[in-house]
């Protein structure tokens, strides 16, 4: 936590015992690197990736997807991971209830080599999530990734300073537009902002939780199912958990034994994922303007009474989660319900 105006360090949340506490190292990925690894893994597992086919219609009963190319395909299961502006979501009858967020965000990067070349302050060796602000709308988040070769920024500011009406995250901007928002910010950051690259405006919108994620043979996943603000850094994490849940439910361990039908499997998927992802989604919205709601900081700060401990999302709740145990509990509840009926 840095002081807004001069960058002095105000507080630290130590993650050096992360692996000891939860069994895994803490990593920060540049999205391009993560996408590349997911694609390589999918291909290695035998997946065929076909691009430039936008889904325009779906028969969720028969499992038929029609594309803008005029072609269609019939499958057993349709996983709709088509993002925050999902067309598949509306095709299965979900009309999002949204409200404008008080904030908008600029995303940008700068190569560490460029930082060194220009003699700017190099944050990459710190290997930390670093931020300025956070109590209110303005907040700057800095992380190093790609093995320290890239420094990325998320720069939040009041929504009234831009005129974009549509939701999205890929609108181009300039360094002068970015710098103009923060005249009293740490000079070291402003000096870097004059040279950042790939500046994109991210229009933030708050989505109310959807009534369902599954219909027929269609299952929503990731931002299509639970779009959330970025302030818990859990959007892609929750999407990966969604995928893991489907993989687990339809794995040989369960499929054909305790899970006999696609309908039953997707029912379990929604029951397994929706409460947890919704809780993270709601906590992300609260954390947009209140750092005390951020996992980690929520455990360290402002959590002195039982009420706070039961309502705030905590880092233990995220990292100690056992999906296998959760699924087995749900299956036992289903079996008990069937016996009762």
C-alpha atoms as a PDB file:
ATOM      1  CA  UNK A   1       0.000   0.000   0.000  1.00  0.00           C
ATOM      2  CA  UNK A   2       1.586   3.264  -1.184  1.00  0.00           C
ATOM      3  CA  UNK A   3       0.811   6.828  -0.216  1.00  0.00           C
ATOM      4  CA  UNK A   4      -1.074   8.427  -3.102  1.00  0.00           C
ATOM      5  CA  UNK A   5       0.956  11.599  -3.515  1.00  0.00           C
ATOM      6  CA  UNK A   6       4.551  10.498  -2.922  1.00  0.00           C
ATOM      7  CA  UNK A   7       4.605   6.687  -3.125  1.00  0.00           C
ATOM      8  CA  UNK A   8       5.909   6.006   0.369  1.00  0.00           C
ATOM      9  CA  UNK A   9       4.906   2.574   1.662  1.00  0.00           C
ATOM     10  CA  UNK A  10       2.072   2.766   4.211  1.00  0.00           C
ATOM     11  CA  UNK A  11       1.334  -0.907   4.858  1.00  0.00           C
ATOM     12  CA  UNK A  12       2.285  -4.413   3.675  1.00  0.00           C
ATOM     13  CA  UNK A  13       0.360  -7.683   3.525  1.00  0.00           C
ATOM     14  CA  UNK A  14       3.007 -10.416   3.586  1.00  0.00           C
ATOM     15  CA  UNK A  15       2.429 -13.433   1.317  1.00  0.00           C
ATOM     16  CA  UNK A  16       5.811 -15.099   1.912  1.00  0.00           C
ATOM     17  CA  UNK A  17       4.100 -18.011   3.717  1.00  0.00           C
ATOM     18  CA  UNK A  18       1.518 -18.500   0.952  1.00  0.00           C
ATOM     19  CA  UNK A  19       2.698 -21.961  -0.098  1.00  0.00           C
ATOM     20  CA  UNK A  20       3.140 -23.081   3.501  1.00  0.00           C
ATOM     21  CA  UNK A  21      -0.432 -22.039   4.358  1.00  0.00           C
ATOM     22  CA  UNK A  22      -2.296 -23.183   1.248  1.00  0.00           C
ATOM     23  CA  UNK A  23      -0.014 -25.540  -0.656  1.00  0.00           C
ATOM     24  CA  UNK A  24       0.649 -23.448  -3.749  1.00  0.00           C
ATOM     25  CA  UNK A  25       2.798 -20.503  -4.786  1.00  0.00           C
ATOM     26  CA  UNK A  26       1.177 -17.157  -5.543  1.00  0.00           C
ATOM     27  CA  UNK A  27       1.509 -16.241  -9.236  1.00  0.00           C
ATOM     28  CA  UNK A  28       0.608 -13.142 -11.235  1.00  0.00           C
ATOM     29  CA  UNK A  29       0.008 -13.825 -14.932  1.00  0.00           C
ATOM     30  CA  UNK A  30      -0.101 -11.544 -17.921  1.00  0.00           C
ATOM     31  CA  UNK A  31      -3.322 -12.586 -19.649  1.00  0.00           C
ATOM     32  CA  UNK A  32      -1.502 -13.250 -22.950  1.00  0.00           C
ATOM     33  CA  UNK A  33       0.787 -15.784 -21.254  1.00  0.00           C
ATOM     34  CA  UNK A  34      -2.157 -17.471 -19.534  1.00  0.00           C
ATOM     35  CA  UNK A  35      -4.168 -17.663 -22.777  1.00  0.00           C
ATOM     36  CA  UNK A  36      -1.174 -19.189 -24.567  1.00  0.00           C
ATOM     37  CA  UNK A  37      -0.731 -21.906 -21.940  1.00  0.00           C
ATOM     38  CA  UNK A  38      -4.450 -22.731 -21.914  1.00  0.00           C
ATOM     39  CA  UNK A  39      -4.417 -23.050 -25.698  1.00  0.00           C
ATOM     40  CA  UNK A  40      -1.319 -25.265 -25.706  1.00  0.00           C
ATOM     41  CA  UNK A  41      -2.810 -27.472 -23.000  1.00  0.00           C
ATOM     42  CA  UNK A  42      -6.143 -27.786 -24.828  1.00  0.00           C
ATOM     43  CA  UNK A  43      -4.400 -28.824 -28.045  1.00  0.00           C
ATOM     44  CA  UNK A  44      -2.215 -31.303 -26.175  1.00  0.00           C
ATOM     45  CA  UNK A  45      -5.387 -32.900 -24.791  1.00  0.00           C
ATOM     46  CA  UNK A  46      -6.766 -33.286 -28.320  1.00  0.00           C
ATOM     47  CA  UNK A  47      -9.057 -30.257 -28.535  1.00  0.00           C
ATOM     48  CA  UNK A  48      -9.745 -28.746 -31.947  1.00  0.00           C
ATOM     49  CA  UNK A  49      -9.826 -24.940 -31.874  1.00  0.00           C
ATOM     50  CA  UNK A  50     -11.886 -23.288 -34.631  1.00  0.00           C
ATOM     51  CA  UNK A  51     -11.915 -19.486 -34.763  1.00  0.00           C
ATOM     52  CA  UNK A  52     -14.016 -16.859 -36.597  1.00  0.00           C
ATOM     53  CA  UNK A  53     -17.305 -18.624 -35.842  1.00  0.00           C
ATOM     54  CA  UNK A  54     -19.687 -16.457 -33.833  1.00  0.00           C
ATOM     55  CA  UNK A  55     -22.641 -18.303 -32.333  1.00  0.00           C
ATOM     56  CA  UNK A  56     -25.937 -16.690 -33.374  1.00  0.00           C
ATOM     57  CA  UNK A  57     -28.504 -19.293 -32.325  1.00  0.00           C
ATOM     58  CA  UNK A  58     -28.818 -22.353 -30.135  1.00  0.00           C
ATOM     59  CA  UNK A  59     -31.234 -25.228 -29.687  1.00  0.00           C
ATOM     60  CA  UNK A  60     -30.523 -25.939 -26.042  1.00  0.00           C
ATOM     61  CA  UNK A  61     -32.732 -29.045 -26.031  1.00  0.00           C
ATOM     62  CA  UNK A  62     -31.093 -30.803 -29.000  1.00  0.00           C
ATOM     63  CA  UNK A  63     -27.639 -29.293 -28.427  1.00  0.00           C
ATOM     64  CA  UNK A  64     -27.345 -27.539 -31.800  1.00  0.00           C
ATOM     65  CA  UNK A  65     -25.314 -24.340 -32.196  1.00  0.00           C
ATOM     66  CA  UNK A  66     -25.674 -22.218 -35.336  1.00  0.00           C
ATOM     67  CA  UNK A  67     -22.871 -19.840 -36.362  1.00  0.00           C
ATOM     68  CA  UNK A  68     -22.739 -16.636 -38.398  1.00  0.00           C
ATOM     69  CA  UNK A  69     -21.022 -18.622 -41.160  1.00  0.00           C
ATOM     70  CA  UNK A  70     -24.301 -20.449 -41.775  1.00  0.00           C
ATOM     71  CA  UNK A  71     -22.897 -23.690 -40.402  1.00  0.00           C
ATOM     72  CA  UNK A  72     -24.086 -25.543 -37.320  1.00  0.00           C
ATOM     73  CA  UNK A  73     -22.928 -28.355 -35.067  1.00  0.00           C
ATOM     74  CA  UNK A  74     -24.652 -30.776 -32.761  1.00  0.00           C
ATOM     75  CA  UNK A  75     -22.990 -31.793 -29.491  1.00  0.00           C
ATOM     76  CA  UNK A  76     -23.771 -33.405 -26.156  1.00  0.00           C
ATOM     77  CA  UNK A  77     -22.790 -30.391 -24.057  1.00  0.00           C
ATOM     78  CA  UNK A  78     -22.448 -26.689 -24.917  1.00  0.00           C
ATOM     79  CA  UNK A  79     -20.195 -24.699 -22.587  1.00  0.00           C
ATOM     80  CA  UNK A  80     -20.853 -21.021 -23.216  1.00  0.00           C
ATOM     81  CA  UNK A  81     -17.707 -19.157 -22.173  1.00  0.00           C
ATOM     82  CA  UNK A  82     -18.383 -16.169 -24.421  1.00  0.00           C
ATOM     83  CA  UNK A  83     -17.660 -13.410 -21.951  1.00  0.00           C
ATOM     84  CA  UNK A  84     -19.345 -10.462 -20.304  1.00  0.00           C
ATOM     85  CA  UNK A  85     -21.380  -9.619 -23.411  1.00  0.00           C
ATOM     86  CA  UNK A  86     -22.413 -13.236 -23.929  1.00  0.00           C
ATOM     87  CA  UNK A  87     -24.903 -13.835 -26.724  1.00  0.00           C
ATOM     88  CA  UNK A  88     -25.519 -17.405 -25.538  1.00  0.00           C
ATOM     89  CA  UNK A  89     -26.713 -16.089 -22.184  1.00  0.00           C
ATOM     90  CA  UNK A  90     -29.580 -14.216 -23.831  1.00  0.00           C
ATOM     91  CA  UNK A  91     -30.330 -17.126 -26.164  1.00  0.00           C
ATOM     92  CA  UNK A  92     -31.170 -19.251 -23.108  1.00  0.00           C
ATOM     93  CA  UNK A  93     -33.452 -16.549 -21.746  1.00  0.00           C
ATOM     94  CA  UNK A  94     -31.305 -14.562 -19.300  1.00  0.00           C
ATOM     95  CA  UNK A  95     -31.632 -10.773 -19.534  1.00  0.00           C
ATOM     96  CA  UNK A  96     -28.955  -9.194 -17.318  1.00  0.00           C
ATOM     97  CA  UNK A  97     -30.012  -6.654 -14.738  1.00  0.00           C
ATOM     98  CA  UNK A  98     -27.165  -4.154 -14.574  1.00  0.00           C
ATOM     99  CA  UNK A  99     -26.270  -0.804 -13.111  1.00  0.00           C
ATOM    100  CA  UNK A 100     -23.528   1.605 -13.960  1.00  0.00           C
ATOM    101  CA  UNK A 101     -20.443   1.344 -11.795  1.00  0.00           C
ATOM    102  CA  UNK A 102     -19.167   4.538 -10.217  1.00  0.00           C
ATOM    103  CA  UNK A 103     -15.747   3.706 -11.666  1.00  0.00           C
ATOM    104  CA  UNK A 104     -14.037   3.162 -14.986  1.00  0.00           C
ATOM    105  CA  UNK A 105     -10.583   1.658 -15.485  1.00  0.00           C
ATOM    106  CA  UNK A 106      -7.617   2.121 -17.786  1.00  0.00           C
ATOM    107  CA  UNK A 107      -5.435  -0.956 -18.373  1.00  0.00           C
ATOM    108  CA  UNK A 108      -1.915  -0.526 -19.711  1.00  0.00           C
ATOM    109  CA  UNK A 109       1.557  -2.088 -19.691  1.00  0.00           C
ATOM    110  CA  UNK A 110       5.202  -1.120 -20.016  1.00  0.00           C
ATOM    111  CA  UNK A 111       8.146  -3.447 -20.693  1.00  0.00           C
ATOM    112  CA  UNK A 112      10.643  -3.471 -17.836  1.00  0.00           C
ATOM    113  CA  UNK A 113      13.414  -2.966 -20.393  1.00  0.00           C
ATOM    114  CA  UNK A 114      11.777   0.330 -21.380  1.00  0.00           C
ATOM    115  CA  UNK A 115      11.569   1.399 -17.719  1.00  0.00           C
ATOM    116  CA  UNK A 116      15.292   0.786 -17.301  1.00  0.00           C
ATOM    117  CA  UNK A 117      16.155   2.470 -20.600  1.00  0.00           C
ATOM    118  CA  UNK A 118      14.332   5.648 -19.561  1.00  0.00           C
ATOM    119  CA  UNK A 119      15.715   5.624 -16.023  1.00  0.00           C
ATOM    120  CA  UNK A 120      12.256   5.346 -14.467  1.00  0.00           C
ATOM    121  CA  UNK A 121      11.477   3.675 -11.156  1.00  0.00           C
ATOM    122  CA  UNK A 122      11.594  -0.110 -11.582  1.00  0.00           C
ATOM    123  CA  UNK A 123       8.932  -1.906  -9.532  1.00  0.00           C
ATOM    124  CA  UNK A 124       9.411  -5.327 -11.150  1.00  0.00           C
ATOM    125  CA  UNK A 125      11.988  -6.682  -8.640  1.00  0.00           C
ATOM    126  CA  UNK A 126       9.469  -6.221  -5.791  1.00  0.00           C
ATOM    127  CA  UNK A 127       7.350  -9.122  -7.092  1.00  0.00           C
ATOM    128  CA  UNK A 128       4.276  -7.692  -5.403  1.00  0.00           C
ATOM    129  CA  UNK A 129       0.809  -6.366  -6.049  1.00  0.00           C
ATOM    130  CA  UNK A 130       1.324  -2.667  -5.343  1.00  0.00           C
ATOM    131  CA  UNK A 131      -1.386  -0.063  -5.133  1.00  0.00           C
ATOM    132  CA  UNK A 132      -2.084   3.578  -4.507  1.00  0.00           C
ATOM    133  CA  UNK A 133      -5.487   4.674  -3.154  1.00  0.00           C
ATOM    134  CA  UNK A 134      -8.252   2.124  -2.634  1.00  0.00           C
ATOM    135  CA  UNK A 135     -10.428   3.933  -0.096  1.00  0.00           C
ATOM    136  CA  UNK A 136     -12.754   5.621  -2.576  1.00  0.00           C
ATOM    137  CA  UNK A 137     -12.972   5.494  -6.358  1.00  0.00           C
ATOM    138  CA  UNK A 138      -9.384   6.326  -7.337  1.00  0.00           C
ATOM    139  CA  UNK A 139      -6.980   3.401  -7.183  1.00  0.00           C
ATOM    140  CA  UNK A 140      -3.862   2.403  -9.120  1.00  0.00           C
ATOM    141  CA  UNK A 141      -2.844  -1.274  -9.096  1.00  0.00           C
ATOM    142  CA  UNK A 142       0.598  -2.336 -10.342  1.00  0.00           C
ATOM    143  CA  UNK A 143       1.886  -5.877 -10.849  1.00  0.00           C
ATOM    144  CA  UNK A 144       4.908  -7.373 -12.570  1.00  0.00           C
ATOM    145  CA  UNK A 145       4.424 -10.478 -14.693  1.00  0.00           C
ATOM    146  CA  UNK A 146       5.979 -12.493 -17.541  1.00  0.00           C
ATOM    147  CA  UNK A 147       8.885 -13.262 -15.219  1.00  0.00           C
ATOM    148  CA  UNK A 148       9.384  -9.573 -14.485  1.00  0.00           C
ATOM    149  CA  UNK A 149       9.570  -8.550 -18.145  1.00  0.00           C
ATOM    150  CA  UNK A 150       6.271  -6.630 -18.083  1.00  0.00           C
ATOM    151  CA  UNK A 151       4.719  -4.230 -15.583  1.00  0.00           C
ATOM    152  CA  UNK A 152       0.938  -3.918 -15.806  1.00  0.00           C
ATOM    153  CA  UNK A 153      -1.360  -1.222 -14.434  1.00  0.00           C
ATOM    154  CA  UNK A 154      -5.054  -1.019 -13.582  1.00  0.00           C
ATOM    155  CA  UNK A 155      -6.045   2.615 -13.099  1.00  0.00           C
ATOM    156  CA  UNK A 156      -9.489   3.298 -11.616  1.00  0.00           C
ATOM    157  CA  UNK A 157     -11.182   6.704 -11.716  1.00  0.00           C
ATOM    158  CA  UNK A 158     -14.715   8.210 -11.559  1.00  0.00           C
ATOM    159  CA  UNK A 159     -16.985   7.012 -14.352  1.00  0.00           C
ATOM    160  CA  UNK A 160     -18.249  10.508 -15.174  1.00  0.00           C
ATOM    161  CA  UNK A 161     -14.868  11.296 -16.756  1.00  0.00           C
ATOM    162  CA  UNK A 162     -15.644   9.170 -19.815  1.00  0.00           C
ATOM    163  CA  UNK A 163     -18.569   9.055 -22.219  1.00  0.00           C
ATOM    164  CA  UNK A 164     -18.595   5.384 -23.204  1.00  0.00           C
ATOM    165  CA  UNK A 165     -22.100   3.985 -22.907  1.00  0.00           C
ATOM    166  CA  UNK A 166     -21.468   0.383 -23.959  1.00  0.00           C
ATOM    167  CA  UNK A 167     -19.918  -2.265 -21.752  1.00  0.00           C
ATOM    168  CA  UNK A 168     -16.469  -3.485 -22.716  1.00  0.00           C
ATOM    169  CA  UNK A 169     -12.763  -3.588 -21.944  1.00  0.00           C
ATOM    170  CA  UNK A 170     -10.969  -2.933 -25.231  1.00  0.00           C
ATOM    171  CA  UNK A 171     -11.407   0.766 -26.104  1.00  0.00           C
ATOM    172  CA  UNK A 172      -8.134   2.488 -27.023  1.00  0.00           C
ATOM    173  CA  UNK A 173      -6.837   5.534 -25.115  1.00  0.00           C
ATOM    174  CA  UNK A 174      -3.708   7.715 -24.888  1.00  0.00           C
ATOM    175  CA  UNK A 175      -1.126   8.384 -22.180  1.00  0.00           C
ATOM    176  CA  UNK A 176      -2.180  12.032 -21.979  1.00  0.00           C
ATOM    177  CA  UNK A 177      -5.764  10.951 -21.213  1.00  0.00           C
ATOM    178  CA  UNK A 178      -4.430   8.699 -18.459  1.00  0.00           C
ATOM    179  CA  UNK A 179      -2.096  11.259 -16.876  1.00  0.00           C
ATOM    180  CA  UNK A 180      -4.750  13.995 -16.884  1.00  0.00           C
ATOM    181  CA  UNK A 181      -6.882  11.990 -14.428  1.00  0.00           C
ATOM    182  CA  UNK A 182      -4.314  11.981 -11.621  1.00  0.00           C
ATOM    183  CA  UNK A 183      -2.620  15.408 -11.277  1.00  0.00           C
ATOM    184  CA  UNK A 184      -1.673  14.801  -7.629  1.00  0.00           C
ATOM    185  CA  UNK A 185      -0.436  11.196  -8.020  1.00  0.00           C
ATOM    186  CA  UNK A 186       3.030   9.918  -7.068  1.00  0.00           C
ATOM    187  CA  UNK A 187       5.424  11.534  -9.604  1.00  0.00           C
ATOM    188  CA  UNK A 188       7.210   8.197 -10.162  1.00  0.00           C
ATOM    189  CA  UNK A 189       3.972   6.722 -11.515  1.00  0.00           C
ATOM    190  CA  UNK A 190       3.103   9.750 -13.620  1.00  0.00           C
ATOM    191  CA  UNK A 191       6.551   9.575 -15.212  1.00  0.00           C
ATOM    192  CA  UNK A 192       5.898   5.935 -16.159  1.00  0.00           C
ATOM    193  CA  UNK A 193       2.388   6.712 -17.434  1.00  0.00           C
ATOM    194  CA  UNK A 194       3.866   9.026 -20.063  1.00  0.00           C
ATOM    195  CA  UNK A 195       5.459   5.971 -21.718  1.00  0.00           C
ATOM    196  CA  UNK A 196       2.999   3.110 -21.139  1.00  0.00           C
ATOM    197  CA  UNK A 197       1.689   1.025 -24.041  1.00  0.00           C
ATOM    198  CA  UNK A 198      -1.490  -0.762 -25.088  1.00  0.00           C
ATOM    199  CA  UNK A 199      -3.719   1.622 -23.089  1.00  0.00           C
ATOM    200  CA  UNK A 200      -7.297   0.341 -23.046  1.00  0.00           C
ATOM    201  CA  UNK A 201     -10.390   1.782 -21.432  1.00  0.00           C
ATOM    202  CA  UNK A 202     -12.361  -0.791 -19.445  1.00  0.00           C
ATOM    203  CA  UNK A 203     -15.984   0.209 -18.992  1.00  0.00           C
ATOM    204  CA  UNK A 204     -17.157  -1.304 -15.685  1.00  0.00           C
ATOM    205  CA  UNK A 205     -20.744  -2.441 -15.139  1.00  0.00           C
ATOM    206  CA  UNK A 206     -22.246  -4.171 -12.107  1.00  0.00           C
ATOM    207  CA  UNK A 207     -24.331  -7.249 -12.954  1.00  0.00           C
ATOM    208  CA  UNK A 208     -26.879  -8.590 -10.550  1.00  0.00           C
ATOM    209  CA  UNK A 209     -26.532 -12.391 -10.107  1.00  0.00           C
ATOM    210  CA  UNK A 210     -28.385 -14.294 -12.809  1.00  0.00           C
ATOM    211  CA  UNK A 211     -31.352 -16.526 -11.920  1.00  0.00           C
ATOM    212  CA  UNK A 212     -29.740 -19.629 -13.466  1.00  0.00           C
ATOM    213  CA  UNK A 213     -26.643 -20.711 -15.409  1.00  0.00           C
ATOM    214  CA  UNK A 214     -27.911 -23.881 -17.056  1.00  0.00           C
ATOM    215  CA  UNK A 215     -30.639 -24.625 -19.569  1.00  0.00           C
ATOM    216  CA  UNK A 216     -30.991 -27.893 -21.454  1.00  0.00           C
ATOM    217  CA  UNK A 217     -27.564 -28.810 -22.769  1.00  0.00           C
ATOM    218  CA  UNK A 218     -26.095 -25.337 -22.242  1.00  0.00           C
ATOM    219  CA  UNK A 219     -23.938 -24.330 -19.267  1.00  0.00           C
ATOM    220  CA  UNK A 220     -22.622 -20.787 -18.834  1.00  0.00           C
ATOM    221  CA  UNK A 221     -19.045 -20.388 -17.613  1.00  0.00           C
ATOM    222  CA  UNK A 222     -16.830 -17.507 -16.490  1.00  0.00           C
ATOM    223  CA  UNK A 223     -17.888 -13.954 -17.290  1.00  0.00           C
ATOM    224  CA  UNK A 224     -20.872 -15.274 -19.221  1.00  0.00           C
ATOM    225  CA  UNK A 225     -22.191 -16.659 -15.919  1.00  0.00           C
ATOM    226  CA  UNK A 226     -20.884 -14.259 -13.277  1.00  0.00           C
ATOM    227  CA  UNK A 227     -19.258 -11.055 -14.583  1.00  0.00           C
ATOM    228  CA  UNK A 228     -17.561  -9.298 -11.712  1.00  0.00           C
ATOM    229  CA  UNK A 229     -15.553  -6.196 -10.998  1.00  0.00           C
ATOM    230  CA  UNK A 230     -11.778  -6.752 -10.882  1.00  0.00           C
ATOM    231  CA  UNK A 231     -11.178  -5.670  -7.289  1.00  0.00           C
ATOM    232  CA  UNK A 232     -10.793  -9.174  -5.862  1.00  0.00           C
ATOM    233  CA  UNK A 233      -8.594 -10.367  -8.773  1.00  0.00           C
ATOM    234  CA  UNK A 234     -10.849 -13.431  -8.975  1.00  0.00           C
ATOM    235  CA  UNK A 235     -12.543 -13.228 -12.392  1.00  0.00           C
ATOM    236  CA  UNK A 236     -10.296 -15.690 -14.218  1.00  0.00           C
ATOM    237  CA  UNK A 237      -9.837 -17.732 -11.029  1.00  0.00           C
ATOM    238  CA  UNK A 238     -13.590 -18.306 -10.785  1.00  0.00           C
ATOM    239  CA  UNK A 239     -13.746 -19.203 -14.503  1.00  0.00           C
ATOM    240  CA  UNK A 240     -11.007 -21.788 -14.019  1.00  0.00           C
ATOM    241  CA  UNK A 241     -12.895 -23.177 -11.012  1.00  0.00           C
ATOM    242  CA  UNK A 242     -16.025 -23.418 -13.199  1.00  0.00           C
ATOM    243  CA  UNK A 243     -14.088 -25.443 -15.768  1.00  0.00           C
ATOM    244  CA  UNK A 244     -12.619 -27.649 -13.053  1.00  0.00           C
ATOM    245  CA  UNK A 245     -16.126 -28.314 -11.717  1.00  0.00           C
ATOM    246  CA  UNK A 246     -17.358 -29.525 -15.115  1.00  0.00           C
ATOM    247  CA  UNK A 247     -14.245 -31.663 -15.523  1.00  0.00           C
ATOM    248  CA  UNK A 248     -14.772 -33.191 -12.090  1.00  0.00           C
ATOM    249  CA  UNK A 249     -18.500 -33.846 -12.454  1.00  0.00           C
ATOM    250  CA  UNK A 250     -18.091 -35.554 -15.834  1.00  0.00           C
ATOM    251  CA  UNK A 251     -14.904 -37.415 -14.881  1.00  0.00           C
ATOM    252  CA  UNK A 252     -14.808 -41.229 -14.641  1.00  0.00           C
ATOM    253  CA  UNK A 253     -14.936 -40.875 -10.851  1.00  0.00           C
ATOM    254  CA  UNK A 254     -18.529 -39.609 -10.992  1.00  0.00           C
ATOM    255  CA  UNK A 255     -19.923 -40.012 -14.513  1.00  0.00           C
ATOM    256  CA  UNK A 256     -21.911 -43.202 -14.910  1.00  0.00           C
ATOM    257  CA  UNK A 257     -21.851 -43.945 -11.188  1.00  0.00           C
ATOM    258  CA  UNK A 258     -23.225 -41.099  -9.060  1.00  0.00           C
ATOM    259  CA  UNK A 259     -23.928 -38.815 -12.049  1.00  0.00           C
ATOM    260  CA  UNK A 260     -26.077 -40.676 -14.580  1.00  0.00           C
ATOM    261  CA  UNK A 261     -27.468 -37.977 -16.835  1.00  0.00           C
ATOM    262  CA  UNK A 262     -26.294 -34.725 -18.396  1.00  0.00           C
ATOM    263  CA  UNK A 263     -29.197 -32.962 -16.698  1.00  0.00           C
ATOM    264  CA  UNK A 264     -28.110 -34.222 -13.274  1.00  0.00           C
ATOM    265  CA  UNK A 265     -24.491 -33.246 -13.948  1.00  0.00           C
ATOM    266  CA  UNK A 266     -25.396 -29.700 -14.959  1.00  0.00           C
ATOM    267  CA  UNK A 267     -27.713 -29.357 -11.977  1.00  0.00           C
ATOM    268  CA  UNK A 268     -24.771 -30.264  -9.743  1.00  0.00           C
ATOM    269  CA  UNK A 269     -22.539 -27.809 -11.637  1.00  0.00           C
ATOM    270  CA  UNK A 270     -24.877 -24.898 -10.963  1.00  0.00           C
ATOM    271  CA  UNK A 271     -25.364 -25.848  -7.316  1.00  0.00           C
ATOM    272  CA  UNK A 272     -21.621 -26.303  -6.867  1.00  0.00           C
ATOM    273  CA  UNK A 273     -20.515 -23.062  -8.511  1.00  0.00           C
ATOM    274  CA  UNK A 274     -23.265 -20.464  -8.324  1.00  0.00           C
ATOM    275  CA  UNK A 275     -23.238 -19.704  -4.552  1.00  0.00           C
ATOM    276  CA  UNK A 276     -19.441 -19.399  -4.396  1.00  0.00           C
ATOM    277  CA  UNK A 277     -19.049 -17.333  -7.569  1.00  0.00           C
ATOM    278  CA  UNK A 278     -21.965 -15.096  -6.564  1.00  0.00           C
ATOM    279  CA  UNK A 279     -20.354 -14.429  -3.186  1.00  0.00           C
ATOM    280  CA  UNK A 280     -17.096 -13.436  -4.880  1.00  0.00           C
ATOM    281  CA  UNK A 281     -19.034 -11.343  -7.415  1.00  0.00           C
ATOM    282  CA  UNK A 282     -20.796  -9.390  -4.659  1.00  0.00           C
ATOM    283  CA  UNK A 283     -17.603  -8.991  -2.626  1.00  0.00           C
ATOM    284  CA  UNK A 284     -15.815  -7.649  -5.709  1.00  0.00           C
ATOM    285  CA  UNK A 285     -18.419  -4.915  -6.069  1.00  0.00           C
ATOM    286  CA  UNK A 286     -18.024  -3.939  -2.407  1.00  0.00           C
ATOM    287  CA  UNK A 287     -14.239  -3.862  -2.713  1.00  0.00           C
ATOM    288  CA  UNK A 288     -14.357  -1.393  -5.614  1.00  0.00           C
ATOM    289  CA  UNK A 289     -14.357   1.514  -3.168  1.00  0.00           C
ATOM    290  CA  UNK A 290     -13.428  -0.150   0.121  1.00  0.00           C
ATOM    291  CA  UNK A 291     -10.047  -1.837   0.446  1.00  0.00           C
ATOM    292  CA  UNK A 292     -11.149  -3.484   3.699  1.00  0.00           C
ATOM    293  CA  UNK A 293     -13.350  -5.776   1.575  1.00  0.00           C
ATOM    294  CA  UNK A 294     -10.360  -7.046  -0.421  1.00  0.00           C
ATOM    295  CA  UNK A 295      -9.339 -10.639   0.366  1.00  0.00           C
ATOM    296  CA  UNK A 296      -6.225 -10.591   2.475  1.00  0.00           C
ATOM    297  CA  UNK A 297      -6.811  -7.041   3.639  1.00  0.00           C
ATOM    298  CA  UNK A 298     -10.283  -8.119   4.816  1.00  0.00           C
ATOM    299  CA  UNK A 299      -8.570 -10.637   7.100  1.00  0.00           C
ATOM    300  CA  UNK A 300      -6.060  -8.097   8.348  1.00  0.00           C
ATOM    301  CA  UNK A 301      -8.066  -4.892   8.641  1.00  0.00           C
ATOM    302  CA  UNK A 302     -11.493  -3.972   9.991  1.00  0.00           C
ATOM    303  CA  UNK A 303     -12.458  -7.538  10.830  1.00  0.00           C
ATOM    304  CA  UNK A 304     -12.621  -7.306  14.584  1.00  0.00           C
ATOM    305  CA  UNK A 305     -16.147  -8.540  15.188  1.00  0.00           C
ATOM    306  CA  UNK A 306     -18.123 -11.646  14.343  1.00  0.00           C
ATOM    307  CA  UNK A 307     -20.461  -9.831  11.949  1.00  0.00           C
ATOM    308  CA  UNK A 308     -17.562  -8.704   9.754  1.00  0.00           C
ATOM    309  CA  UNK A 309     -15.977 -12.136   9.832  1.00  0.00           C
ATOM    310  CA  UNK A 310     -19.134 -13.772   8.526  1.00  0.00           C
ATOM    311  CA  UNK A 311     -19.913 -11.236   5.794  1.00  0.00           C
ATOM    312  CA  UNK A 312     -16.512 -10.330   4.362  1.00  0.00           C
ATOM    313  CA  UNK A 313     -14.812 -12.571   1.845  1.00  0.00           C
ATOM    314  CA  UNK A 314     -11.509 -13.819   3.275  1.00  0.00           C
ATOM    315  CA  UNK A 315      -8.359 -15.207   1.732  1.00  0.00           C
ATOM    316  CA  UNK A 316      -8.862 -18.474   3.648  1.00  0.00           C
ATOM    317  CA  UNK A 317     -12.325 -18.828   2.147  1.00  0.00           C
ATOM    318  CA  UNK A 318     -10.837 -18.543  -1.328  1.00  0.00           C
ATOM    319  CA  UNK A 319      -7.665 -20.591  -0.875  1.00  0.00           C
ATOM    320  CA  UNK A 320      -8.790 -23.351   1.495  1.00  0.00           C
ATOM    321  CA  UNK A 321     -11.809 -24.296  -0.622  1.00  0.00           C
ATOM    322  CA  UNK A 322     -12.108 -28.032  -1.353  1.00  0.00           C
ATOM    323  CA  UNK A 323     -14.209 -28.608  -4.475  1.00  0.00           C
ATOM    324  CA  UNK A 324     -14.146 -32.415  -4.130  1.00  0.00           C
ATOM    325  CA  UNK A 325     -15.525 -32.216  -0.621  1.00  0.00           C
ATOM    326  CA  UNK A 326     -18.176 -29.716  -1.704  1.00  0.00           C
ATOM    327  CA  UNK A 327     -19.288 -31.910  -4.618  1.00  0.00           C
ATOM    328  CA  UNK A 328     -19.484 -35.029  -2.473  1.00  0.00           C
ATOM    329  CA  UNK A 329     -21.668 -33.152   0.008  1.00  0.00           C
ATOM    330  CA  UNK A 330     -24.033 -32.106  -2.784  1.00  0.00           C
ATOM    331  CA  UNK A 331     -24.213 -35.651  -4.153  1.00  0.00           C
ATOM    332  CA  UNK A 332     -25.082 -37.029  -0.704  1.00  0.00           C
ATOM    333  CA  UNK A 333     -27.832 -34.395  -0.414  1.00  0.00           C
ATOM    334  CA  UNK A 334     -29.213 -35.457  -3.807  1.00  0.00           C
ATOM    335  CA  UNK A 335     -29.183 -39.141  -2.822  1.00  0.00           C
ATOM    336  CA  UNK A 336     -30.934 -38.343   0.471  1.00  0.00           C
ATOM    337  CA  UNK A 337     -33.550 -36.268  -1.328  1.00  0.00           C
ATOM    338  CA  UNK A 338     -34.200 -39.124  -3.785  1.00  0.00           C
ATOM    339  CA  UNK A 339     -34.619 -41.570  -0.895  1.00  0.00           C
ATOM    340  CA  UNK A 340     -37.077 -39.258   0.827  1.00  0.00           C
ATOM    341  CA  UNK A 341     -39.112 -38.938  -2.339  1.00  0.00           C
END
